[in-house]
């Protein structure tokens, strides 16, 4: 059975520009908190500026690609407990409260769904660097767990004449096609194997991994380009932890075509805890090239 990968979101992620257009292409289902069936709570969402009517409109488009979870008082209390247990740094970071709500949604989901990502949606590398205090490391690489950044070009529906809703309709239709679903599953399978690969012991192993990723991405892009709609190019990055084998020699960033990997060159004040069987991965995307890629 194909292992699905679901992504969780916060109560305000639907307010982002082009919300869910990129994510529905990347993930099998989107776990989205909604206001409980309660007039008082609906009024609270409106007062907070979370625009439940806009959310409902996008949920109708997503259909069964969305898995909705009422953001009840019980869930809010669990979220509050985790939020208040955070470090001072975490509480100071602007989006920590909403990140905690994304993580809360990973609990209580169907047990057969093991690939769950509490997605942190950054719209630029600068925002991610500031939130995680991500920076270049001047220290020599040591064995064990290091930071790994995967990057790749990614095509999404993008036509300036189309509304946000129409772009999402197009993205849902394309990403629900059996061929595209198969290609998406192949990429996530590769990603899981990469983050769990203890055989990465030298630069040639990283180059081999980049080549594999490039092949998968080119197949996916070729399929999207056959569709009769305009597309836009985004650079999508995944950041997570990787346990290396006995690594020898210096590390440099490795890029090939539309694929990119950098390992062990970054330090951060805060990475993400594990959810279910999957190491939590942060997703962010930007329209510019970075790291000289």
C-alpha atoms as a PDB file:
ATOM      1  CA  UNK A   1       0.000   0.000   0.000  1.00  0.00           C
ATOM      2  CA  UNK A   2       1.323   3.452  -0.908  1.00  0.00           C
ATOM      3  CA  UNK A   3       2.226   5.445   2.161  1.00  0.00           C
ATOM      4  CA  UNK A   4       0.456   8.784   2.122  1.00  0.00           C
ATOM      5  CA  UNK A   5       1.996  12.007   3.382  1.00  0.00           C
ATOM      6  CA  UNK A   6      -0.342  14.480   5.029  1.00  0.00           C
ATOM      7  CA  UNK A   7       0.467  18.031   6.110  1.00  0.00           C
ATOM      8  CA  UNK A   8      -1.019  19.964   9.023  1.00  0.00           C
ATOM      9  CA  UNK A   9      -1.756  23.686   9.061  1.00  0.00           C
ATOM     10  CA  UNK A  10      -2.669  26.401  11.526  1.00  0.00           C
ATOM     11  CA  UNK A  11      -5.903  28.310  11.984  1.00  0.00           C
ATOM     12  CA  UNK A  12      -4.646  31.162   9.806  1.00  0.00           C
ATOM     13  CA  UNK A  13      -2.682  29.486   6.993  1.00  0.00           C
ATOM     14  CA  UNK A  14      -5.611  29.872   4.590  1.00  0.00           C
ATOM     15  CA  UNK A  15      -5.034  33.649   4.733  1.00  0.00           C
ATOM     16  CA  UNK A  16      -1.659  33.390   2.985  1.00  0.00           C
ATOM     17  CA  UNK A  17      -1.437  34.483  -0.673  1.00  0.00           C
ATOM     18  CA  UNK A  18      -2.237  31.505  -2.938  1.00  0.00           C
ATOM     19  CA  UNK A  19      -2.889  29.377   0.150  1.00  0.00           C
ATOM     20  CA  UNK A  20      -2.728  25.595  -0.420  1.00  0.00           C
ATOM     21  CA  UNK A  21      -1.871  25.871  -4.151  1.00  0.00           C
ATOM     22  CA  UNK A  22       1.708  24.675  -3.637  1.00  0.00           C
ATOM     23  CA  UNK A  23       0.885  22.370  -0.727  1.00  0.00           C
ATOM     24  CA  UNK A  24      -1.870  20.437  -2.502  1.00  0.00           C
ATOM     25  CA  UNK A  25       0.660  19.606  -5.219  1.00  0.00           C
ATOM     26  CA  UNK A  26       3.151  18.343  -2.629  1.00  0.00           C
ATOM     27  CA  UNK A  27       0.934  16.438  -0.166  1.00  0.00           C
ATOM     28  CA  UNK A  28      -1.776  13.789  -0.377  1.00  0.00           C
ATOM     29  CA  UNK A  29      -4.107  15.485   2.099  1.00  0.00           C
ATOM     30  CA  UNK A  30      -4.106  18.734   4.060  1.00  0.00           C
ATOM     31  CA  UNK A  31      -5.147  18.635   7.726  1.00  0.00           C
ATOM     32  CA  UNK A  32      -6.849  21.951   8.448  1.00  0.00           C
ATOM     33  CA  UNK A  33      -8.359  23.194  11.740  1.00  0.00           C
ATOM     34  CA  UNK A  34     -11.846  24.682  11.432  1.00  0.00           C
ATOM     35  CA  UNK A  35     -14.090  26.539  13.896  1.00  0.00           C
ATOM     36  CA  UNK A  36     -16.363  24.241  15.935  1.00  0.00           C
ATOM     37  CA  UNK A  37     -20.075  24.215  15.161  1.00  0.00           C
ATOM     38  CA  UNK A  38     -20.614  26.971  17.685  1.00  0.00           C
ATOM     39  CA  UNK A  39     -21.715  30.561  17.052  1.00  0.00           C
ATOM     40  CA  UNK A  40     -19.507  31.874  19.835  1.00  0.00           C
ATOM     41  CA  UNK A  41     -16.413  30.238  18.364  1.00  0.00           C
ATOM     42  CA  UNK A  42     -17.308  31.375  14.857  1.00  0.00           C
ATOM     43  CA  UNK A  43     -17.532  34.924  16.181  1.00  0.00           C
ATOM     44  CA  UNK A  44     -14.143  34.447  17.884  1.00  0.00           C
ATOM     45  CA  UNK A  45     -12.547  33.439  14.572  1.00  0.00           C
ATOM     46  CA  UNK A  46     -14.044  36.473  12.886  1.00  0.00           C
ATOM     47  CA  UNK A  47     -12.794  38.723  15.692  1.00  0.00           C
ATOM     48  CA  UNK A  48      -9.287  37.255  15.393  1.00  0.00           C
ATOM     49  CA  UNK A  49      -9.348  38.062  11.672  1.00  0.00           C
ATOM     50  CA  UNK A  50      -9.128  34.408  10.621  1.00  0.00           C
ATOM     51  CA  UNK A  51     -11.909  34.823   8.040  1.00  0.00           C
ATOM     52  CA  UNK A  52     -13.801  31.505   8.334  1.00  0.00           C
ATOM     53  CA  UNK A  53     -15.838  32.312   5.211  1.00  0.00           C
ATOM     54  CA  UNK A  54     -12.664  32.460   3.109  1.00  0.00           C
ATOM     55  CA  UNK A  55     -11.515  29.213   4.665  1.00  0.00           C
ATOM     56  CA  UNK A  56     -14.857  27.558   3.849  1.00  0.00           C
ATOM     57  CA  UNK A  57     -14.535  28.660   0.224  1.00  0.00           C
ATOM     58  CA  UNK A  58     -11.080  27.066  -0.081  1.00  0.00           C
ATOM     59  CA  UNK A  59     -12.206  23.909   1.731  1.00  0.00           C
ATOM     60  CA  UNK A  60     -15.049  23.472  -0.752  1.00  0.00           C
ATOM     61  CA  UNK A  61     -12.482  23.554  -3.554  1.00  0.00           C
ATOM     62  CA  UNK A  62     -10.151  21.109  -1.803  1.00  0.00           C
ATOM     63  CA  UNK A  63     -12.964  18.619  -1.254  1.00  0.00           C
ATOM     64  CA  UNK A  64     -11.707  15.303   0.091  1.00  0.00           C
ATOM     65  CA  UNK A  65      -8.105  16.490  -0.278  1.00  0.00           C
ATOM     66  CA  UNK A  66      -8.757  18.367   2.961  1.00  0.00           C
ATOM     67  CA  UNK A  67      -9.147  16.621   6.318  1.00  0.00           C
ATOM     68  CA  UNK A  68     -10.857  19.054   8.668  1.00  0.00           C
ATOM     69  CA  UNK A  69     -10.466  19.009  12.450  1.00  0.00           C
ATOM     70  CA  UNK A  70     -12.677  21.204  14.666  1.00  0.00           C
ATOM     71  CA  UNK A  71     -10.433  23.460  16.774  1.00  0.00           C
ATOM     72  CA  UNK A  72     -12.319  22.691  19.980  1.00  0.00           C
ATOM     73  CA  UNK A  73     -11.738  23.921  23.513  1.00  0.00           C
ATOM     74  CA  UNK A  74     -10.115  20.562  24.348  1.00  0.00           C
ATOM     75  CA  UNK A  75      -7.626  20.918  21.505  1.00  0.00           C
ATOM     76  CA  UNK A  76      -6.958  24.543  22.400  1.00  0.00           C
ATOM     77  CA  UNK A  77      -6.132  23.489  25.991  1.00  0.00           C
ATOM     78  CA  UNK A  78      -3.687  20.851  24.764  1.00  0.00           C
ATOM     79  CA  UNK A  79      -2.183  23.415  22.409  1.00  0.00           C
ATOM     80  CA  UNK A  80      -1.901  25.940  25.260  1.00  0.00           C
ATOM     81  CA  UNK A  81      -0.079  23.386  27.431  1.00  0.00           C
ATOM     82  CA  UNK A  82       2.480  22.705  24.703  1.00  0.00           C
ATOM     83  CA  UNK A  83       2.808  26.385  23.879  1.00  0.00           C
ATOM     84  CA  UNK A  84       3.458  27.372  27.498  1.00  0.00           C
ATOM     85  CA  UNK A  85       5.986  24.539  27.826  1.00  0.00           C
ATOM     86  CA  UNK A  86       8.062  26.021  24.988  1.00  0.00           C
ATOM     87  CA  UNK A  87      11.430  27.637  25.628  1.00  0.00           C
ATOM     88  CA  UNK A  88      11.753  31.401  25.987  1.00  0.00           C
ATOM     89  CA  UNK A  89      13.243  31.553  22.498  1.00  0.00           C
ATOM     90  CA  UNK A  90      10.349  29.626  21.036  1.00  0.00           C
ATOM     91  CA  UNK A  91       7.765  31.842  22.709  1.00  0.00           C
ATOM     92  CA  UNK A  92       9.540  34.919  21.405  1.00  0.00           C
ATOM     93  CA  UNK A  93       9.449  33.717  17.814  1.00  0.00           C
ATOM     94  CA  UNK A  94       6.504  35.316  16.046  1.00  0.00           C
ATOM     95  CA  UNK A  95       4.864  32.224  14.627  1.00  0.00           C
ATOM     96  CA  UNK A  96       5.577  29.736  17.437  1.00  0.00           C
ATOM     97  CA  UNK A  97       1.969  29.726  18.658  1.00  0.00           C
ATOM     98  CA  UNK A  98       0.672  28.802  15.215  1.00  0.00           C
ATOM     99  CA  UNK A  99       3.416  26.212  14.753  1.00  0.00           C
ATOM    100  CA  UNK A 100       2.258  24.601  17.996  1.00  0.00           C
ATOM    101  CA  UNK A 101      -1.299  24.443  16.641  1.00  0.00           C
ATOM    102  CA  UNK A 102      -0.031  22.670  13.514  1.00  0.00           C
ATOM    103  CA  UNK A 103       1.742  20.111  15.695  1.00  0.00           C
ATOM    104  CA  UNK A 104      -1.358  19.564  17.830  1.00  0.00           C
ATOM    105  CA  UNK A 105      -3.233  18.386  14.734  1.00  0.00           C
ATOM    106  CA  UNK A 106      -0.813  15.476  14.293  1.00  0.00           C
ATOM    107  CA  UNK A 107      -2.443  13.821  17.320  1.00  0.00           C
ATOM    108  CA  UNK A 108      -5.584  11.742  16.890  1.00  0.00           C
ATOM    109  CA  UNK A 109      -5.362  11.307  13.110  1.00  0.00           C
ATOM    110  CA  UNK A 110      -6.070   7.912  11.469  1.00  0.00           C
ATOM    111  CA  UNK A 111      -3.473   5.418  12.660  1.00  0.00           C
ATOM    112  CA  UNK A 112      -2.717   4.120   9.167  1.00  0.00           C
ATOM    113  CA  UNK A 113      -1.378   7.544   8.165  1.00  0.00           C
ATOM    114  CA  UNK A 114       2.247   7.479   9.262  1.00  0.00           C
ATOM    115  CA  UNK A 115       3.705  10.143   6.993  1.00  0.00           C
ATOM    116  CA  UNK A 116       2.561  13.330   8.714  1.00  0.00           C
ATOM    117  CA  UNK A 117       4.385  16.636   8.452  1.00  0.00           C
ATOM    118  CA  UNK A 118       3.686  19.583  10.727  1.00  0.00           C
ATOM    119  CA  UNK A 119       4.410  22.032   7.947  1.00  0.00           C
ATOM    120  CA  UNK A 120       5.931  25.400   8.689  1.00  0.00           C
ATOM    121  CA  UNK A 121       5.126  27.497   5.630  1.00  0.00           C
ATOM    122  CA  UNK A 122       7.801  30.108   5.066  1.00  0.00           C
ATOM    123  CA  UNK A 123       7.420  32.301   2.005  1.00  0.00           C
ATOM    124  CA  UNK A 124      11.077  33.270   1.860  1.00  0.00           C
ATOM    125  CA  UNK A 125      14.459  32.015   2.934  1.00  0.00           C
ATOM    126  CA  UNK A 126      15.016  35.217   4.914  1.00  0.00           C
ATOM    127  CA  UNK A 127      11.940  34.563   7.071  1.00  0.00           C
ATOM    128  CA  UNK A 128      13.071  31.016   7.795  1.00  0.00           C
ATOM    129  CA  UNK A 129      16.607  32.130   8.634  1.00  0.00           C
ATOM    130  CA  UNK A 130      15.276  34.704  11.082  1.00  0.00           C
ATOM    131  CA  UNK A 131      12.760  32.371  12.750  1.00  0.00           C
ATOM    132  CA  UNK A 132      15.147  29.428  13.166  1.00  0.00           C
ATOM    133  CA  UNK A 133      18.258  31.595  13.511  1.00  0.00           C
ATOM    134  CA  UNK A 134      19.670  29.485  10.684  1.00  0.00           C
ATOM    135  CA  UNK A 135      23.271  30.341   9.878  1.00  0.00           C
ATOM    136  CA  UNK A 136      26.412  28.956   8.294  1.00  0.00           C
ATOM    137  CA  UNK A 137      28.551  26.820  10.607  1.00  0.00           C
ATOM    138  CA  UNK A 138      32.259  27.489  10.933  1.00  0.00           C
ATOM    139  CA  UNK A 139      32.824  24.319  12.947  1.00  0.00           C
ATOM    140  CA  UNK A 140      34.136  21.065  11.445  1.00  0.00           C
ATOM    141  CA  UNK A 141      31.531  18.431  10.678  1.00  0.00           C
ATOM    142  CA  UNK A 142      31.161  15.788  13.395  1.00  0.00           C
ATOM    143  CA  UNK A 143      29.508  12.385  13.166  1.00  0.00           C
ATOM    144  CA  UNK A 144      25.866  12.052  14.161  1.00  0.00           C
ATOM    145  CA  UNK A 145      22.817  14.189  13.488  1.00  0.00           C
ATOM    146  CA  UNK A 146      23.275  17.218  11.230  1.00  0.00           C
ATOM    147  CA  UNK A 147      21.046  19.649   9.401  1.00  0.00           C
ATOM    148  CA  UNK A 148      20.106  18.650   5.847  1.00  0.00           C
ATOM    149  CA  UNK A 149      18.516  21.016   3.321  1.00  0.00           C
ATOM    150  CA  UNK A 150      16.944  19.616   0.162  1.00  0.00           C
ATOM    151  CA  UNK A 151      15.934  22.028  -2.566  1.00  0.00           C
ATOM    152  CA  UNK A 152      14.300  21.632  -5.935  1.00  0.00           C
ATOM    153  CA  UNK A 153      12.483  23.481  -8.674  1.00  0.00           C
ATOM    154  CA  UNK A 154       8.765  22.980  -8.612  1.00  0.00           C
ATOM    155  CA  UNK A 155       6.041  23.794 -11.134  1.00  0.00           C
ATOM    156  CA  UNK A 156       2.632  24.983  -9.985  1.00  0.00           C
ATOM    157  CA  UNK A 157      -0.357  26.493 -11.822  1.00  0.00           C
ATOM    158  CA  UNK A 158       0.391  30.191 -12.185  1.00  0.00           C
ATOM    159  CA  UNK A 159      -1.618  32.449 -14.464  1.00  0.00           C
ATOM    160  CA  UNK A 160      -1.941  36.139 -13.496  1.00  0.00           C
ATOM    161  CA  UNK A 161      -5.366  36.198 -15.164  1.00  0.00           C
ATOM    162  CA  UNK A 162      -6.676  33.548 -12.771  1.00  0.00           C
ATOM    163  CA  UNK A 163      -8.001  34.144  -9.276  1.00  0.00           C
ATOM    164  CA  UNK A 164      -6.623  32.375  -6.218  1.00  0.00           C
ATOM    165  CA  UNK A 165      -9.652  30.082  -6.221  1.00  0.00           C
ATOM    166  CA  UNK A 166      -9.219  29.152  -9.902  1.00  0.00           C
ATOM    167  CA  UNK A 167      -5.526  28.407  -9.375  1.00  0.00           C
ATOM    168  CA  UNK A 168      -6.437  26.130  -6.468  1.00  0.00           C
ATOM    169  CA  UNK A 169      -9.086  24.362  -8.562  1.00  0.00           C
ATOM    170  CA  UNK A 170      -6.452  23.691 -11.234  1.00  0.00           C
ATOM    171  CA  UNK A 171      -3.893  22.508  -8.681  1.00  0.00           C
ATOM    172  CA  UNK A 172      -6.383  20.134  -7.037  1.00  0.00           C
ATOM    173  CA  UNK A 173      -7.374  18.645 -10.386  1.00  0.00           C
ATOM    174  CA  UNK A 174      -3.793  18.104 -11.560  1.00  0.00           C
ATOM    175  CA  UNK A 175      -2.451  16.790  -8.259  1.00  0.00           C
ATOM    176  CA  UNK A 176      -5.328  14.308  -7.942  1.00  0.00           C
ATOM    177  CA  UNK A 177      -4.534  12.590 -11.249  1.00  0.00           C
ATOM    178  CA  UNK A 178      -3.270   9.001 -10.733  1.00  0.00           C
ATOM    179  CA  UNK A 179      -0.058   9.590 -12.707  1.00  0.00           C
ATOM    180  CA  UNK A 180       0.835  12.690 -10.721  1.00  0.00           C
ATOM    181  CA  UNK A 181      -0.027  10.973  -7.423  1.00  0.00           C
ATOM    182  CA  UNK A 182       2.367   8.174  -8.331  1.00  0.00           C
ATOM    183  CA  UNK A 183       5.170  10.619  -9.099  1.00  0.00           C
ATOM    184  CA  UNK A 184       4.510  12.514  -5.862  1.00  0.00           C
ATOM    185  CA  UNK A 185       4.637   9.258  -3.888  1.00  0.00           C
ATOM    186  CA  UNK A 186       7.941   8.350  -5.548  1.00  0.00           C
ATOM    187  CA  UNK A 187       9.494  11.653  -4.460  1.00  0.00           C
ATOM    188  CA  UNK A 188       8.346  11.279  -0.844  1.00  0.00           C
ATOM    189  CA  UNK A 189       9.577   7.688  -0.772  1.00  0.00           C
ATOM    190  CA  UNK A 190      12.988   8.931  -1.923  1.00  0.00           C
ATOM    191  CA  UNK A 191      12.940  11.685   0.703  1.00  0.00           C
ATOM    192  CA  UNK A 192      12.159   9.224   3.528  1.00  0.00           C
ATOM    193  CA  UNK A 193      14.941   6.901   2.403  1.00  0.00           C
ATOM    194  CA  UNK A 194      17.379   9.815   2.164  1.00  0.00           C
ATOM    195  CA  UNK A 195      16.741  11.082   5.701  1.00  0.00           C
ATOM    196  CA  UNK A 196      17.061   7.534   7.065  1.00  0.00           C
ATOM    197  CA  UNK A 197      20.112   6.551   5.009  1.00  0.00           C
ATOM    198  CA  UNK A 198      23.029   5.657   7.295  1.00  0.00           C
ATOM    199  CA  UNK A 199      25.204   4.960   4.245  1.00  0.00           C
ATOM    200  CA  UNK A 200      25.966   8.601   3.457  1.00  0.00           C
ATOM    201  CA  UNK A 201      29.650   8.578   4.281  1.00  0.00           C
ATOM    202  CA  UNK A 202      31.242  10.696   1.565  1.00  0.00           C
ATOM    203  CA  UNK A 203      30.559  13.345  -1.066  1.00  0.00           C
ATOM    204  CA  UNK A 204      29.981  10.780  -3.814  1.00  0.00           C
ATOM    205  CA  UNK A 205      27.012   9.356  -1.869  1.00  0.00           C
ATOM    206  CA  UNK A 206      25.449  12.827  -1.733  1.00  0.00           C
ATOM    207  CA  UNK A 207      26.041  13.332  -5.468  1.00  0.00           C
ATOM    208  CA  UNK A 208      24.335   9.997  -6.143  1.00  0.00           C
ATOM    209  CA  UNK A 209      21.344  11.082  -4.025  1.00  0.00           C
ATOM    210  CA  UNK A 210      21.110  14.379  -5.926  1.00  0.00           C
ATOM    211  CA  UNK A 211      21.125  12.519  -9.215  1.00  0.00           C
ATOM    212  CA  UNK A 212      18.265  10.283  -8.037  1.00  0.00           C
ATOM    213  CA  UNK A 213      16.236  13.284  -6.896  1.00  0.00           C
ATOM    214  CA  UNK A 214      16.889  15.118 -10.172  1.00  0.00           C
ATOM    215  CA  UNK A 215      15.580  12.156 -12.186  1.00  0.00           C
ATOM    216  CA  UNK A 216      12.353  12.004 -10.163  1.00  0.00           C
ATOM    217  CA  UNK A 217      11.811  15.764 -10.422  1.00  0.00           C
ATOM    218  CA  UNK A 218      12.339  15.868 -14.180  1.00  0.00           C
ATOM    219  CA  UNK A 219       9.719  13.146 -14.648  1.00  0.00           C
ATOM    220  CA  UNK A 220       7.254  15.137 -12.557  1.00  0.00           C
ATOM    221  CA  UNK A 221       7.989  18.419 -14.358  1.00  0.00           C
ATOM    222  CA  UNK A 222       7.614  16.762 -17.765  1.00  0.00           C
ATOM    223  CA  UNK A 223       4.147  15.557 -16.812  1.00  0.00           C
ATOM    224  CA  UNK A 224       3.053  18.991 -15.560  1.00  0.00           C
ATOM    225  CA  UNK A 225       4.365  20.685 -18.698  1.00  0.00           C
ATOM    226  CA  UNK A 226       2.092  18.512 -20.834  1.00  0.00           C
ATOM    227  CA  UNK A 227      -0.972  20.082 -19.213  1.00  0.00           C
ATOM    228  CA  UNK A 228      -2.637  22.960 -21.038  1.00  0.00           C
ATOM    229  CA  UNK A 229      -2.270  25.704 -18.463  1.00  0.00           C
ATOM    230  CA  UNK A 230       0.377  28.242 -17.518  1.00  0.00           C
ATOM    231  CA  UNK A 231       2.830  27.249 -14.825  1.00  0.00           C
ATOM    232  CA  UNK A 232       5.154  29.149 -12.555  1.00  0.00           C
ATOM    233  CA  UNK A 233       8.489  28.053 -11.137  1.00  0.00           C
ATOM    234  CA  UNK A 234       9.040  27.934  -7.396  1.00  0.00           C
ATOM    235  CA  UNK A 235      12.010  26.795  -5.420  1.00  0.00           C
ATOM    236  CA  UNK A 236      10.831  24.463  -2.698  1.00  0.00           C
ATOM    237  CA  UNK A 237      13.110  23.561   0.199  1.00  0.00           C
ATOM    238  CA  UNK A 238      12.801  20.918   2.917  1.00  0.00           C
ATOM    239  CA  UNK A 239      14.890  21.217   6.059  1.00  0.00           C
ATOM    240  CA  UNK A 240      15.273  18.397   8.549  1.00  0.00           C
ATOM    241  CA  UNK A 241      17.772  16.264  10.435  1.00  0.00           C
ATOM    242  CA  UNK A 242      19.948  13.514   9.008  1.00  0.00           C
ATOM    243  CA  UNK A 243      22.106  10.978  10.815  1.00  0.00           C
ATOM    244  CA  UNK A 244      25.318  10.421   8.875  1.00  0.00           C
ATOM    245  CA  UNK A 245      27.509   7.355   8.807  1.00  0.00           C
ATOM    246  CA  UNK A 246      31.257   7.665   9.366  1.00  0.00           C
ATOM    247  CA  UNK A 247      31.681  10.669   7.115  1.00  0.00           C
ATOM    248  CA  UNK A 248      35.127  11.499   5.777  1.00  0.00           C
ATOM    249  CA  UNK A 249      36.312  14.650   4.053  1.00  0.00           C
ATOM    250  CA  UNK A 250      34.872  18.179   3.698  1.00  0.00           C
ATOM    251  CA  UNK A 251      31.295  18.855   2.649  1.00  0.00           C
ATOM    252  CA  UNK A 252      30.198  21.211  -0.082  1.00  0.00           C
ATOM    253  CA  UNK A 253      26.741  21.931  -1.427  1.00  0.00           C
ATOM    254  CA  UNK A 254      25.832  19.683  -4.346  1.00  0.00           C
ATOM    255  CA  UNK A 255      23.517  20.767  -7.157  1.00  0.00           C
ATOM    256  CA  UNK A 256      22.429  19.138 -10.378  1.00  0.00           C
ATOM    257  CA  UNK A 257      19.895  20.774 -12.683  1.00  0.00           C
ATOM    258  CA  UNK A 258      16.815  21.449 -10.573  1.00  0.00           C
ATOM    259  CA  UNK A 259      17.952  19.502  -7.473  1.00  0.00           C
ATOM    260  CA  UNK A 260      20.100  20.661  -4.570  1.00  0.00           C
ATOM    261  CA  UNK A 261      21.383  19.186  -1.278  1.00  0.00           C
ATOM    262  CA  UNK A 262      23.392  20.815   1.478  1.00  0.00           C
ATOM    263  CA  UNK A 263      24.281  18.868   4.616  1.00  0.00           C
ATOM    264  CA  UNK A 264      25.906  19.754   7.899  1.00  0.00           C
ATOM    265  CA  UNK A 265      26.744  23.339   7.045  1.00  0.00           C
ATOM    266  CA  UNK A 266      24.071  25.027   9.085  1.00  0.00           C
ATOM    267  CA  UNK A 267      23.346  25.674  12.730  1.00  0.00           C
ATOM    268  CA  UNK A 268      19.958  26.600  14.141  1.00  0.00           C
ATOM    269  CA  UNK A 269      18.585  27.560  17.532  1.00  0.00           C
ATOM    270  CA  UNK A 270      15.518  25.407  16.974  1.00  0.00           C
ATOM    271  CA  UNK A 271      14.704  22.393  14.845  1.00  0.00           C
ATOM    272  CA  UNK A 272      11.482  20.424  14.924  1.00  0.00           C
ATOM    273  CA  UNK A 273      10.445  17.495  17.077  1.00  0.00           C
ATOM    274  CA  UNK A 274       9.452  14.179  15.557  1.00  0.00           C
ATOM    275  CA  UNK A 275       5.804  13.437  14.772  1.00  0.00           C
ATOM    276  CA  UNK A 276       4.666   9.848  14.471  1.00  0.00           C
ATOM    277  CA  UNK A 277       7.281   7.815  12.584  1.00  0.00           C
ATOM    278  CA  UNK A 278       8.384  10.724  10.443  1.00  0.00           C
ATOM    279  CA  UNK A 279      11.017  13.320  11.247  1.00  0.00           C
ATOM    280  CA  UNK A 280       9.323  16.679  11.162  1.00  0.00           C
ATOM    281  CA  UNK A 281      10.241  18.663   8.075  1.00  0.00           C
ATOM    282  CA  UNK A 282       9.929  22.361   7.476  1.00  0.00           C
ATOM    283  CA  UNK A 283       8.795  23.404   4.009  1.00  0.00           C
ATOM    284  CA  UNK A 284       9.474  26.832   2.597  1.00  0.00           C
ATOM    285  CA  UNK A 285       9.409  28.227  -0.897  1.00  0.00           C
ATOM    286  CA  UNK A 286      10.683  31.281  -2.708  1.00  0.00           C
ATOM    287  CA  UNK A 287      10.992  32.457  -6.298  1.00  0.00           C
ATOM    288  CA  UNK A 288      14.705  33.239  -6.105  1.00  0.00           C
ATOM    289  CA  UNK A 289      17.771  31.022  -6.258  1.00  0.00           C
ATOM    290  CA  UNK A 290      19.810  30.616  -3.099  1.00  0.00           C
ATOM    291  CA  UNK A 291      23.110  29.201  -1.897  1.00  0.00           C
ATOM    292  CA  UNK A 292      24.538  29.912  -5.373  1.00  0.00           C
ATOM    293  CA  UNK A 293      22.296  27.204  -6.850  1.00  0.00           C
END
